[in-house]
Protein backbone atom coordinates (compact mmCIF):
# COMPACT_ATOMS: atom_id res chain seq x y z
CA MET A 1 -58.10 -40.81 -0.24
CA PRO A 2 -56.84 -43.99 -2.07
CA ASN A 3 -54.36 -43.42 -4.89
CA ALA A 4 -53.42 -39.99 -3.57
CA PHE A 5 -49.97 -38.54 -3.99
CA TRP A 6 -48.58 -37.75 -0.58
CA CYS A 7 -46.23 -34.85 -0.08
CA ILE A 8 -44.37 -35.15 3.22
CA VAL A 9 -44.01 -31.72 4.73
CA GLU A 10 -40.55 -30.35 5.57
CA ASP A 11 -40.94 -27.54 8.05
CA ASP A 12 -38.79 -25.03 9.92
CA ARG A 13 -38.48 -24.63 13.66
CA ASN A 14 -41.33 -22.12 13.67
CA GLY A 15 -43.88 -24.68 12.41
CA ALA A 16 -44.02 -23.38 8.91
CA PRO A 17 -43.54 -25.49 5.68
CA LYS A 18 -40.33 -24.60 3.90
CA LYS A 19 -40.72 -23.01 0.50
CA VAL A 20 -39.35 -26.17 -1.19
CA MET A 21 -42.73 -27.72 -0.42
CA ALA A 22 -44.27 -25.47 -3.15
CA GLU A 23 -42.05 -27.43 -5.60
CA VAL A 24 -43.05 -30.80 -4.26
CA ILE A 25 -46.71 -30.04 -4.20
CA GLY A 26 -46.51 -28.32 -7.61
CA GLU A 27 -44.97 -31.40 -9.24
CA ALA A 28 -47.38 -33.76 -7.62
CA SER A 29 -50.25 -31.53 -8.79
CA ARG A 30 -48.92 -31.49 -12.31
CA LEU A 31 -48.97 -35.28 -12.41
CA VAL A 32 -52.35 -35.86 -10.65
CA PRO A 33 -54.39 -32.67 -10.25
CA GLY A 34 -56.78 -32.79 -7.33
CA ARG A 35 -55.19 -35.94 -5.76
CA VAL A 36 -52.41 -34.28 -3.75
CA GLU A 37 -52.37 -34.59 -0.03
CA ALA A 38 -49.85 -33.01 2.36
CA VAL A 39 -48.80 -35.25 5.32
CA TRP A 40 -47.36 -33.27 8.13
CA LEU A 41 -45.66 -34.84 11.14
CA THR A 42 -45.03 -32.17 13.80
CA ASP A 43 -45.26 -31.41 17.43
CA LYS A 44 -47.05 -28.17 16.64
CA ALA A 45 -48.41 -26.98 13.29
CA SER A 46 -49.02 -23.30 12.66
CA GLU A 47 -52.40 -22.15 11.28
CA ALA A 48 -50.49 -20.14 8.70
CA GLY A 49 -48.61 -23.20 7.57
CA LEU A 50 -51.80 -25.22 7.21
CA LYS A 51 -53.24 -22.31 5.16
CA GLN A 52 -50.16 -22.17 2.94
CA LEU A 53 -50.39 -25.88 2.13
CA GLY A 54 -53.92 -25.32 0.85
CA GLU A 55 -52.96 -22.32 -1.18
CA TRP A 56 -50.16 -24.32 -2.73
CA GLY A 57 -52.68 -26.86 -4.02
CA ALA A 58 -53.03 -29.64 -1.45
CA ALA A 59 -56.51 -31.16 -1.61
CA ARG A 60 -56.27 -32.47 1.96
CA VAL A 61 -53.87 -32.15 4.85
CA LEU A 62 -53.24 -35.21 7.08
CA LEU A 63 -51.88 -33.68 10.24
CA LEU A 64 -50.08 -35.97 12.62
CA GLU A 65 -49.50 -33.63 15.53
CA ASN A 66 -47.91 -35.11 18.56
CA ALA A 67 -45.14 -34.10 20.98
CA ALA A 68 -43.46 -37.40 20.18
CA PHE A 69 -42.54 -36.06 16.67
CA ALA A 70 -40.05 -33.47 18.09
CA PRO A 71 -37.25 -33.69 18.21
CA TYR A 72 -37.05 -35.80 14.94
CA ARG A 73 -36.32 -39.51 15.53
CA SER A 74 -36.66 -41.67 12.48
CA GLU A 75 -38.08 -44.73 14.33
CA VAL A 76 -41.06 -42.77 15.63
CA TRP A 77 -41.72 -40.96 12.34
CA VAL A 78 -41.47 -44.21 10.29
CA ALA A 79 -43.84 -46.24 12.50
CA ALA A 80 -46.45 -43.49 12.39
CA ALA A 81 -46.18 -42.84 8.66
CA ALA A 82 -46.16 -46.55 7.83
CA GLU A 83 -49.34 -47.18 9.87
CA LEU A 84 -51.10 -44.24 8.12
CA ALA A 85 -49.90 -45.48 4.71
CA ALA A 86 -51.40 -48.90 5.41
CA LYS A 87 -54.78 -47.21 6.16
CA GLU A 88 -54.82 -44.67 3.49
CA ALA A 89 -53.07 -46.57 0.54
CA PRO A 90 -51.38 -43.68 -1.16
CA GLN A 91 -50.30 -44.22 -4.83
CA ALA A 92 -47.02 -42.18 -4.35
CA ILE A 93 -44.99 -40.54 -1.49
CA PHE A 94 -43.01 -37.53 -2.49
CA ALA A 95 -40.58 -35.47 -0.19
CA PRO A 96 -37.93 -32.88 -0.79
CA VAL A 97 -34.20 -33.73 -0.55
CA THR A 98 -33.20 -32.54 2.92
CA SER A 99 -31.01 -34.04 5.62
CA ARG A 100 -34.05 -35.20 7.56
CA GLN A 101 -36.18 -36.51 4.59
CA ARG A 102 -33.25 -38.35 3.05
CA GLU A 103 -33.09 -40.59 6.13
CA PHE A 104 -36.86 -40.70 6.90
CA VAL A 105 -38.09 -41.47 3.41
CA ALA A 106 -35.40 -44.15 2.84
CA ARG A 107 -36.42 -45.95 6.00
CA LEU A 108 -40.14 -45.46 5.19
CA ALA A 109 -39.70 -47.14 1.81
CA ALA A 110 -37.84 -50.03 3.37
CA ARG A 111 -40.66 -50.47 5.99
CA LEU A 112 -43.25 -50.45 3.17
CA GLY A 113 -41.15 -52.86 1.11
CA VAL A 114 -41.01 -50.60 -1.98
CA GLY A 115 -38.19 -48.86 -3.96
CA LEU A 116 -37.02 -45.31 -3.57
CA ALA A 117 -36.08 -43.01 -6.42
CA ALA A 118 -33.75 -40.71 -4.50
CA ASP A 119 -32.77 -37.15 -5.65
CA SER A 120 -35.19 -37.26 -8.62
CA VAL A 121 -35.13 -34.41 -11.19
CA ARG A 122 -37.99 -35.40 -13.49
CA PHE A 123 -41.24 -37.44 -13.46
CA ALA A 124 -43.58 -38.74 -16.15
CA LEU A 125 -46.69 -40.90 -16.05
CA GLU A 126 -46.43 -43.58 -18.73
CA GLY A 127 -49.61 -45.63 -18.77
CA ASP A 128 -50.12 -46.96 -15.23
CA LYS A 129 -46.47 -46.42 -14.26
CA LEU A 130 -44.64 -43.48 -12.92
CA VAL A 131 -41.11 -43.01 -14.35
CA ALA A 132 -38.52 -41.02 -12.41
CA THR A 133 -35.32 -39.56 -13.74
CA ARG A 134 -32.44 -39.26 -11.45
CA PRO A 135 -28.65 -38.49 -11.77
CA VAL A 136 -26.16 -41.39 -11.47
CA TYR A 137 -22.36 -41.75 -11.56
CA ALA A 138 -21.78 -38.40 -9.86
CA GLY A 139 -24.22 -36.64 -12.16
CA LYS A 140 -22.59 -37.77 -15.36
CA LEU A 141 -25.65 -39.71 -16.49
CA LEU A 142 -29.38 -39.65 -16.02
CA SER A 143 -31.15 -42.91 -15.18
CA LYS A 144 -34.89 -43.68 -15.66
CA VAL A 145 -36.38 -45.89 -13.01
CA THR A 146 -39.84 -47.18 -12.17
CA TRP A 147 -41.33 -49.21 -9.32
CA ALA A 148 -42.53 -52.80 -9.17
CA LYS A 149 -45.40 -51.82 -6.82
CA THR A 150 -46.89 -48.90 -5.02
CA PRO A 151 -46.56 -46.60 -3.27
CA TRP A 152 -44.01 -44.97 -5.45
CA VAL A 153 -41.53 -43.27 -3.13
CA ALA A 154 -39.30 -40.54 -4.27
CA THR A 155 -37.24 -37.48 -2.99
CA LEU A 156 -37.21 -34.40 -5.24
CA ARG A 157 -34.09 -32.32 -5.73
CA PRO A 158 -34.78 -28.64 -4.67
CA ASN A 159 -34.77 -25.84 -7.20
CA VAL A 160 -35.49 -28.18 -10.09
CA PHE A 161 -39.28 -28.34 -10.25
CA ARG A 162 -41.63 -25.54 -10.91
CA PRO A 163 -43.15 -24.26 -7.72
CA ALA A 164 -47.02 -24.33 -7.38
CA ASP A 165 -48.61 -21.00 -7.92
CA SER A 166 -50.06 -19.77 -4.73
CA GLN A 167 -53.83 -19.50 -4.77
CA PRO A 168 -54.91 -16.97 -2.04
CA GLY A 169 -57.96 -18.02 -0.22
CA LYS A 170 -57.85 -21.69 -1.30
CA THR A 171 -58.14 -24.04 1.70
CA ALA A 172 -57.60 -27.72 2.26
CA PRO A 173 -59.49 -29.71 4.78
CA VAL A 174 -57.35 -30.78 7.75
CA GLU A 175 -57.76 -34.21 9.16
CA ARG A 176 -56.02 -35.43 12.28
CA PRO A 177 -55.63 -39.27 11.97
CA THR A 178 -54.78 -41.26 15.09
CA VAL A 179 -51.60 -43.35 14.87
CA ALA A 180 -49.39 -45.08 17.34
CA THR A 181 -46.29 -43.30 18.50
CA PRO A 182 -43.98 -46.02 19.94
CA GLY A 183 -41.30 -45.03 22.38
CA ALA A 184 -37.93 -44.33 20.80
CA GLN A 185 -34.91 -46.28 21.72
CA MET A 186 -32.78 -43.19 20.86
CA LYS A 187 -33.05 -40.49 23.59
CA PHE A 188 -32.70 -36.79 22.85
CA VAL A 189 -30.09 -35.34 25.24
CA GLU A 190 -29.13 -31.88 24.16
CA ARG A 191 -29.68 -29.38 21.33
CA ARG A 192 -26.81 -27.14 20.28
CA GLU A 193 -27.73 -24.16 18.24
CA GLU A 194 -25.41 -23.35 15.43
CA VAL A 195 -24.68 -19.70 14.83
CA SER A 196 -26.64 -18.41 11.92
CA THR A 197 -24.91 -16.56 9.16
CA GLY A 198 -28.09 -14.68 8.32
CA LEU A 199 -27.87 -16.03 4.73
CA PRO A 200 -30.31 -18.32 2.95
CA GLU A 201 -30.14 -22.02 3.31
CA LEU A 202 -27.98 -23.86 0.81
CA THR A 203 -30.67 -26.11 -0.62
CA GLU A 204 -33.38 -23.42 -0.89
CA ALA A 205 -31.27 -20.46 -2.25
CA GLU A 206 -31.67 -19.37 -5.79
CA THR A 207 -28.09 -18.17 -5.81
CA VAL A 208 -25.24 -20.06 -4.21
CA ILE A 209 -21.64 -19.01 -3.66
CA SER A 210 -19.05 -21.73 -3.02
CA GLY A 211 -15.45 -21.40 -1.82
CA GLY A 212 -12.89 -24.06 -2.27
CA ARG A 213 -9.27 -24.71 -1.33
CA GLY A 214 -8.34 -21.51 -3.21
CA MET A 215 -9.84 -19.50 -0.27
CA LYS A 216 -6.57 -20.30 1.57
CA GLY A 217 -8.07 -20.27 5.02
CA PRO A 218 -11.29 -19.88 7.14
CA GLU A 219 -10.75 -16.18 7.74
CA ASN A 220 -11.18 -15.40 4.05
CA TYR A 221 -14.78 -16.63 3.80
CA VAL A 222 -15.90 -13.22 5.12
CA ILE A 223 -15.52 -11.85 1.64
CA LEU A 224 -17.83 -14.50 0.23
CA GLU A 225 -20.37 -13.85 3.00
CA GLU A 226 -20.25 -10.07 2.24
CA LEU A 227 -21.03 -10.79 -1.40
CA GLY A 228 -23.77 -13.23 -0.28
CA ARG A 229 -25.44 -10.48 1.77
CA VAL A 230 -25.38 -8.08 -1.14
CA ILE A 231 -27.07 -10.53 -3.63
CA GLY A 232 -28.99 -12.64 -1.23
CA ALA A 233 -27.02 -15.78 -1.79
CA ALA A 234 -26.17 -18.78 0.36
CA VAL A 235 -22.53 -19.54 0.97
CA GLY A 236 -21.15 -23.12 0.79
CA ALA A 237 -17.89 -24.84 0.49
CA SER A 238 -16.08 -27.71 -1.25
CA ARG A 239 -15.07 -30.88 0.58
CA ALA A 240 -11.44 -29.84 0.47
CA ALA A 241 -12.36 -26.65 2.46
CA VAL A 242 -14.48 -28.62 4.96
CA ASP A 243 -11.88 -31.27 5.45
CA ALA A 244 -9.40 -28.57 6.20
CA GLY A 245 -11.61 -27.37 8.96
CA TRP A 246 -12.33 -24.04 7.32
CA ARG A 247 -16.16 -24.48 7.24
CA PRO A 248 -18.61 -26.72 9.10
CA HIS A 249 -19.84 -29.87 7.30
CA ARG A 250 -23.39 -28.38 6.92
CA PHE A 251 -21.98 -26.01 4.30
CA GLN A 252 -20.39 -28.77 2.20
CA ILE A 253 -21.64 -29.04 -1.39
CA GLY A 254 -21.16 -32.38 -3.14
CA GLN A 255 -21.75 -36.05 -3.17
CA THR A 256 -21.09 -36.41 0.57
CA GLY A 257 -22.65 -33.05 1.42
CA ARG A 258 -25.52 -31.00 0.13
CA THR A 259 -27.05 -31.35 -3.33
CA ILE A 260 -28.06 -28.01 -4.85
CA SER A 261 -29.69 -26.77 -8.04
CA PRO A 262 -29.68 -22.99 -7.81
CA LYS A 263 -30.46 -20.59 -10.68
CA LEU A 264 -26.93 -19.26 -10.27
CA TYR A 265 -23.82 -20.99 -8.85
CA LEU A 266 -20.65 -18.91 -8.30
CA GLY A 267 -17.58 -21.00 -7.48
CA PHE A 268 -14.41 -19.28 -6.15
CA GLY A 269 -11.27 -21.27 -5.83
CA VAL A 270 -13.11 -24.52 -6.43
CA SER A 271 -11.18 -26.84 -8.64
CA GLY A 272 -14.16 -29.11 -9.55
CA ALA A 273 -13.52 -32.50 -8.07
CA ILE A 274 -16.02 -35.12 -9.30
CA GLN A 275 -17.70 -35.40 -5.92
CA HIS A 276 -18.28 -31.64 -5.84
CA LEU A 277 -19.63 -31.50 -9.36
CA ALA A 278 -22.15 -34.22 -8.40
CA GLY A 279 -23.70 -31.82 -5.91
CA MET A 280 -24.03 -28.75 -8.12
CA ARG A 281 -23.78 -29.63 -11.85
CA THR A 282 -27.66 -29.24 -12.28
CA SER A 283 -27.35 -25.51 -11.44
CA LYS A 284 -28.93 -23.44 -14.14
CA VAL A 285 -25.96 -21.14 -14.70
CA ILE A 286 -22.49 -21.89 -13.41
CA VAL A 287 -19.78 -19.28 -13.06
CA ALA A 288 -16.22 -20.37 -12.03
CA VAL A 289 -13.34 -18.21 -10.85
CA ASN A 290 -9.99 -20.01 -10.57
CA LYS A 291 -6.35 -19.08 -11.22
CA ASP A 292 -5.72 -22.56 -12.77
CA PRO A 293 -7.02 -22.49 -16.44
CA GLU A 294 -6.98 -26.35 -16.32
CA ALA A 295 -9.35 -26.66 -13.41
CA PRO A 296 -12.03 -29.21 -14.19
CA ILE A 297 -14.84 -26.95 -13.13
CA PHE A 298 -14.29 -24.85 -16.30
CA LYS A 299 -15.45 -27.86 -18.37
CA ILE A 300 -19.03 -27.52 -17.06
CA ALA A 301 -18.97 -23.72 -16.39
CA ASP A 302 -21.20 -21.45 -18.50
CA PHE A 303 -18.88 -18.60 -17.64
CA GLY A 304 -15.22 -18.86 -16.46
CA ILE A 305 -12.74 -16.30 -15.18
CA VAL A 306 -9.05 -17.24 -14.96
CA ALA A 307 -8.03 -14.78 -12.22
CA ASP A 308 -7.23 -14.34 -8.52
CA LEU A 309 -10.50 -14.65 -6.57
CA PHE A 310 -9.17 -12.15 -4.07
CA GLU A 311 -9.17 -9.58 -6.86
CA VAL A 312 -12.49 -10.64 -8.42
CA VAL A 313 -14.71 -11.05 -5.35
CA PRO A 314 -14.30 -7.44 -3.98
CA GLU A 315 -14.88 -6.05 -7.48
CA LEU A 316 -17.98 -8.10 -7.95
CA THR A 317 -19.29 -7.07 -4.55
CA LYS A 318 -18.70 -3.36 -5.41
CA GLU A 319 -20.39 -3.65 -8.80
CA PHE A 320 -23.36 -5.52 -7.42
CA LYS A 321 -23.82 -2.83 -4.85
CA LYS A 322 -23.89 -0.24 -7.48
CA LEU A 323 -26.38 -2.07 -9.55
CA LEU A 324 -28.71 -2.77 -6.68
CA GLU A 325 -28.57 0.81 -5.46
CA LYS A 326 -29.98 2.10 -8.70
């Protein structure tokens, strides 16, 4: 429908929309009830996933299902989405902040000749304009931006917006538009599966544990992972720890890594460099544990413990186990 708010679906490898889509659809529905459409580019959509999009509030699902969309290659996705946007004329295009969507949505905005409000944390309709609020200067300031023309393209920071309430039984009509899928110049050669920790994803977790240089070595992250399993938290790392080779880059939190906004952030041995704070300072509650009382992270922490993390973490794990067993 013209003037619809598109929500680009981020899915997992099982063909199911990730839970962050409840936030994206929920925010779009708050702004324009009844005008929200889910746009899903995939090689194989699941019936359960299509059902879930309807229950979250999508008024229509535009399903672009083609083997060419997997594995992800931006040139194929952008060409297909731009062609569909030219036909459908959406008023806005929303997507969650993920590694894939960051690239795809930026390229799509460039192809459409419009601006991009990346990493947005708030939206408001003011007359006939949409105003987006996004962090700037490593999160020290908030900037309000708007667009010169439509579609308004934005990425939404996870764990910031209220998720849509699921409406069991609500369905959305599914349409399968035909779009061109040009051959990609980039060829997929090999997929290497990374070993799963069994813990939640950084950007979707409600609780995130982070270890910094104070962890002293890669072997010590096992105590953070044990705590993570007890409380259902994701485990990340600072850039210093990643640069030291202690953790893979996919676990890095900060300006050059993942941006998170969990309900609870627990930082152990993290000093609080500016680039790290840029990736987590919008967390609802921040708890910092560091031996250095002058560590910058204490300036933004809601709760701080000046102590040896190797004494604190085992005690926390033990106490959480006791609480959760009751």
